[in-house]
Protein backbone atom coordinates (compact mmCIF):
# COMPACT_ATOMS: atom_id res chain seq x y z
CA MET A 1 -89.70 42.13 16.44
CA HIS A 2 -86.94 39.82 15.21
CA ASP A 3 -83.80 39.88 13.53
CA ASP A 4 -83.60 38.08 10.14
CA PRO A 5 -80.38 36.74 9.55
CA THR A 6 -81.41 36.42 5.84
CA SER A 7 -81.88 40.29 5.65
CA ARG A 8 -78.34 40.70 7.92
CA ALA A 9 -76.28 38.64 5.69
CA ASN A 10 -78.04 40.42 2.46
CA LEU A 11 -77.32 43.78 4.07
CA LYS A 12 -73.80 42.88 4.47
CA ASP A 13 -72.80 41.57 1.06
CA THR A 14 -74.35 44.73 -0.04
CA LYS A 15 -72.50 46.96 1.11
CA ARG A 16 -69.44 44.98 0.50
CA LYS A 17 -70.22 45.18 -3.00
CA LEU A 18 -70.86 49.19 -2.44
CA ILE A 19 -67.42 49.06 -0.82
CA ILE A 20 -65.49 47.15 -3.43
CA ARG A 21 -67.38 49.06 -6.37
CA ARG A 22 -66.27 52.49 -4.90
CA LEU A 23 -62.71 51.01 -4.59
CA HIS A 24 -63.08 50.18 -8.59
CA GLN A 25 -64.39 54.33 -9.14
CA VAL A 26 -61.46 55.52 -6.63
CA LEU A 27 -58.89 52.91 -8.80
CA LYS A 28 -59.86 54.88 -12.31
CA GLU A 29 -59.65 58.08 -11.09
CA ALA A 30 -56.33 57.62 -9.59
CA GLN A 31 -55.05 55.89 -12.91
CA ASP A 32 -56.96 58.85 -14.93
CA ASP A 33 -55.20 61.54 -12.16
CA VAL A 34 -51.48 59.87 -12.86
CA ALA A 35 -51.86 60.35 -16.69
CA ILE A 36 -52.91 63.88 -16.54
CA GLY A 37 -50.61 65.09 -13.87
CA THR A 38 -47.54 63.40 -14.57
CA GLY A 39 -45.69 66.20 -15.57
CA PHE A 40 -46.47 68.04 -12.24
CA GLU A 41 -45.62 64.87 -10.14
CA ARG A 42 -42.36 64.69 -11.74
CA LYS A 43 -41.86 68.33 -11.30
CA GLY A 44 -42.58 67.50 -7.56
CA ARG A 45 -40.11 65.53 -7.00
CA TRP A 46 -37.16 67.97 -7.83
CA GLN A 47 -38.91 71.12 -6.01
CA ALA A 48 -40.02 71.32 -2.24
CA ARG A 49 -42.81 73.82 -0.55
CA VAL A 50 -40.45 75.81 1.51
CA SER A 51 -40.78 79.48 3.51
CA ALA A 52 -39.65 82.14 0.85
CA LYS A 53 -38.15 85.49 1.62
CA GLY A 54 -40.80 87.67 3.85
CA GLY A 55 -42.47 84.90 5.22
CA GLN A 56 -44.37 84.10 2.23
CA THR A 57 -44.57 80.49 1.04
CA GLY A 58 -43.36 79.40 -2.00
CA THR A 59 -41.45 76.83 -4.24
CA GLU A 60 -37.44 76.34 -4.28
CA GLU A 61 -35.18 74.00 -6.35
CA LEU A 62 -33.49 71.30 -4.06
CA VAL A 63 -30.77 70.45 -6.70
CA ALA A 64 -28.75 72.75 -4.63
CA ASN A 65 -28.75 71.45 -1.53
CA GLY A 66 -28.28 67.77 -2.80
CA ASN A 67 -31.24 66.31 -1.15
CA VAL A 68 -32.88 64.99 -4.52
CA ALA A 69 -29.69 63.73 -6.08
CA ASN A 70 -28.89 61.71 -3.11
CA ALA A 71 -32.62 60.16 -2.89
CA ILE A 72 -32.37 59.35 -6.72
CA ALA A 73 -28.90 58.00 -6.09
CA ALA A 74 -29.89 55.56 -2.80
CA ALA A 75 -32.81 54.55 -5.19
CA THR A 76 -31.17 53.81 -8.21
CA THR A 77 -28.18 51.66 -5.72
CA GLN A 78 -31.45 49.96 -4.26
CA SER A 79 -33.43 49.39 -7.33
CA ALA A 80 -30.34 47.58 -8.55
CA LYS A 81 -29.40 45.23 -5.52
CA ASP A 82 -33.29 44.42 -5.85
CA SER A 83 -32.81 43.35 -9.58
CA ALA A 84 -29.68 40.83 -8.55
CA LYS A 85 -32.03 39.63 -5.80
CA ARG A 86 -34.72 38.77 -7.58
CA LEU A 87 -33.03 36.93 -10.28
CA GLN A 88 -30.84 35.07 -7.77
CA ILE A 89 -34.39 33.84 -5.88
CA PHE A 90 -35.70 32.76 -9.56
CA ARG A 91 -32.64 31.24 -10.27
CA ALA A 92 -31.78 29.03 -6.80
CA SER A 93 -35.69 28.22 -7.29
CA LYS A 94 -35.31 26.57 -10.60
CA ALA A 95 -38.28 28.54 -12.10
CA PRO A 96 -39.24 28.63 -15.32
CA ALA A 97 -38.80 31.25 -18.51
CA LEU A 98 -36.07 32.69 -16.22
CA GLU A 99 -35.33 34.80 -19.13
CA CYS A 100 -38.96 36.40 -18.63
CA LEU A 101 -39.16 36.30 -14.96
CA SER A 102 -35.85 37.88 -14.13
CA ALA A 103 -36.74 41.68 -14.63
CA ALA A 104 -40.73 40.77 -15.47
CA ARG A 105 -39.34 41.74 -19.29
CA VAL A 106 -39.38 45.10 -18.45
CA THR A 107 -36.71 47.52 -19.56
CA SER A 108 -35.67 50.94 -20.68
CA THR A 109 -36.88 50.59 -23.84
CA ARG A 110 -39.77 48.45 -22.71
CA PRO A 111 -41.12 50.32 -19.84
CA LEU A 112 -44.15 49.28 -17.77
CA VAL A 113 -46.72 51.84 -18.10
CA LEU A 114 -50.20 52.19 -17.01
CA GLY A 115 -52.81 49.35 -18.83
CA ASP A 116 -50.00 46.82 -19.37
CA TYR A 117 -50.99 43.06 -19.06
CA LEU A 118 -49.04 41.04 -16.31
CA PHE A 119 -48.24 37.55 -15.73
CA ILE A 120 -49.24 37.61 -11.60
CA PHE A 121 -48.83 35.24 -8.91
CA ALA A 122 -51.82 35.52 -6.29
CA ASP A 123 -54.23 33.33 -4.55
CA ASP A 124 -51.44 30.62 -4.92
CA LYS A 125 -51.66 30.65 -8.56
CA ILE A 126 -51.03 32.22 -11.94
CA GLN A 127 -53.43 34.89 -12.76
CA ILE A 128 -53.46 37.89 -15.34
CA GLY A 129 -53.14 41.71 -13.94
CA GLN A 130 -54.12 45.00 -15.77
CA VAL A 131 -52.09 47.45 -14.13
CA ILE A 132 -54.38 50.66 -12.74
CA THR A 133 -51.55 52.23 -10.45
CA LEU A 134 -47.63 51.82 -10.16
CA TYR A 135 -46.07 53.27 -6.75
CA GLU A 136 -42.16 53.72 -5.97
CA LYS A 137 -40.35 54.93 -3.33
CA PRO A 138 -37.62 57.24 -3.64
CA GLY A 139 -34.42 56.58 -1.37
CA GLY A 140 -33.98 58.43 1.97
CA LYS A 141 -34.81 58.19 5.48
CA ASN A 142 -38.24 59.65 4.87
CA ALA A 143 -39.41 58.94 1.88
CA LYS A 144 -43.10 58.48 0.53
CA ASN A 145 -44.62 56.11 -2.06
CA HIS A 146 -46.24 58.21 -4.58
CA ALA A 147 -47.73 57.12 -8.00
CA VAL A 148 -46.03 56.56 -11.35
CA SER A 149 -47.11 56.13 -14.82
CA THR A 150 -44.54 54.10 -16.01
CA THR A 151 -40.91 52.41 -15.05
CA GLY A 152 -38.18 50.66 -16.70
CA ASN A 153 -37.04 48.60 -13.54
CA ILE A 154 -39.81 46.62 -12.04
CA CYS A 155 -37.75 46.56 -9.01
CA GLY A 156 -37.85 50.47 -8.60
CA LEU A 157 -41.75 49.78 -7.59
CA SER A 158 -43.00 49.44 -4.30
CA ARG A 159 -46.35 48.16 -5.08
CA VAL A 160 -48.49 47.43 -8.22
CA SER A 161 -52.34 47.65 -8.38
CA VAL A 162 -53.90 45.86 -10.82
CA GLN A 163 -57.56 44.31 -11.81
CA VAL A 164 -57.15 40.40 -11.68
CA PHE A 165 -57.91 38.04 -14.67
CA GLU A 166 -58.03 34.28 -14.08
CA TYR A 167 -58.18 31.52 -16.47
CA SER A 168 -61.50 30.07 -17.56
CA HIS A 169 -61.05 27.88 -20.78
CA GLY A 170 -59.15 27.63 -23.82
CA ARG A 171 -57.20 30.77 -24.13
CA GLN A 172 -60.20 32.66 -22.27
CA PHE A 173 -59.52 34.45 -18.80
CA THR A 174 -62.30 35.77 -17.04
CA SER A 175 -62.99 39.49 -15.64
CA LYS A 176 -64.96 37.68 -12.28
CA PRO A 177 -62.02 35.67 -10.80
CA THR A 178 -63.20 32.64 -8.30
CA ALA A 179 -62.05 34.93 -4.88
CA SER A 180 -64.96 37.61 -6.16
CA ILE A 181 -67.53 35.94 -7.92
CA SER A 182 -69.52 35.16 -5.21
CA LEU A 183 -70.03 38.99 -4.98
CA ASN A 184 -70.34 39.33 -8.54
CA VAL A 185 -67.78 42.33 -8.60
CA HIS A 186 -64.01 42.60 -10.13
CA GLN A 187 -60.96 41.54 -8.01
CA PHE A 188 -58.05 44.21 -7.32
CA LEU A 189 -54.60 43.30 -5.86
CA HIS A 190 -52.06 45.71 -4.27
CA LEU A 191 -48.72 43.65 -5.12
CA PRO A 192 -45.39 43.80 -4.38
CA PRO A 193 -43.38 43.61 -7.35
CA CYS A 194 -41.67 40.39 -6.59
CA PHE A 195 -45.34 38.85 -7.28
CA VAL A 196 -44.99 40.59 -10.73
CA LEU A 197 -44.14 37.68 -13.17
CA THR A 198 -43.24 39.26 -16.61
CA LEU A 199 -45.29 41.58 -18.84
CA LEU A 200 -47.66 39.69 -21.84
CA ALA A 201 -45.63 39.30 -24.94
CA SER A 202 -48.44 41.18 -26.48
CA LYS A 203 -51.93 42.88 -26.01
CA PRO A 204 -54.64 40.15 -24.84
CA GLN A 205 -57.22 39.57 -28.15
CA THR A 206 -61.41 40.18 -27.75
CA ILE A 207 -61.29 42.03 -24.73
CA ASN A 208 -64.58 42.82 -23.45
CA VAL A 209 -66.30 43.12 -19.93
CA SER A 210 -66.06 39.74 -19.28
CA GLY A 211 -62.42 39.00 -19.75
CA PHE A 212 -60.19 38.54 -23.02
CA SER A 213 -58.21 35.74 -25.02
CA LEU A 214 -54.70 35.46 -24.91
CA SER A 215 -52.13 34.98 -28.01
CA PRO A 216 -51.06 31.61 -28.88
CA VAL A 217 -47.26 32.89 -27.94
CA ASP A 218 -48.68 33.89 -24.46
CA MET A 219 -50.91 30.91 -23.85
CA THR A 220 -47.49 28.63 -24.28
CA LEU A 221 -45.65 30.96 -21.73
CA PHE A 222 -48.87 30.55 -19.11
CA ALA A 223 -48.59 26.79 -20.02
CA THR A 224 -44.82 26.90 -18.57
CA LEU A 225 -45.53 28.89 -15.94
CA ILE A 226 -48.37 26.51 -14.60
CA GLU A 227 -46.04 23.55 -15.16
CA GLY A 228 -43.08 25.40 -12.81
CA LEU A 229 -46.16 26.37 -10.19
CA PRO A 230 -43.90 24.61 -7.88
CA ALA A 231 -40.65 26.03 -8.03
CA ILE A 232 -42.27 29.75 -8.34
CA LYS A 233 -44.02 29.05 -5.25
CA LYS A 234 -41.04 28.35 -3.92
CA ALA A 235 -39.51 31.68 -5.06
CA MET A 236 -42.44 33.14 -3.19
CA LYS A 237 -41.40 32.00 -0.06
CA ALA A 238 -38.10 33.24 -0.54
CA PHE A 239 -39.66 36.55 -1.09
CA LYS A 240 -41.44 36.44 1.85
CA LYS A 241 -38.62 35.77 3.78
CA ARG A 242 -37.21 39.62 3.08
CA LYS A 243 -40.55 40.36 4.88
CA LEU A 244 -42.34 41.59 1.36
CA ASP A 245 -45.88 42.22 2.35
CA ILE A 246 -49.26 41.58 0.07
CA LEU A 247 -52.38 43.13 0.47
CA PHE A 248 -55.66 41.87 -0.82
CA VAL A 249 -58.56 43.91 -1.69
């Protein structure tokens, strides 16, 4: 009995679709978990599991030995340096809309939260990403990435997971971008913060399973970013020289 090349190809595509759909499910579950468990996660940053008196496993505050305070101070200092570097790179590249790109319009009064929509740089073009999960890495020698639900500084993040939406026509963006249309699935990216350009001015309009339309204000900004794409690409090359990697899913 001979193998059918067509059957093997179809089986391979089916497996890829199942993997990507499972990823979609996992990302959504992660988003729900972060939203529900945020309070416990915040508490966890200030506590560590240690051996209590009598050899029993217990929880003891770390504030006394200063480890947490030092980690927060280190992370804050690094975020400030990264913010200055981000501004410097976009300015040197003569990127458009510098007032938007410099800090991605993320501030303490308008923090980035799960579900927000962003202009992103991906696949060598300007696209839109909806935030699925946010990750930060506190300062410290053995610090690890962990999920957070919000941030007031884009450079305080280590990664941003998004669902990608691609320009279609008019003011319409589709949920089936070119990169994944052959599999008829959504596309997700795990981005470093430098690939996040800026928050949208307002939530997209007429949102449905196939995509959405942008407000006139955001469409104008999109056109500005498209026009300045060569400068943005130049900035991205500068960021990559700093060994910031990007993982595609």
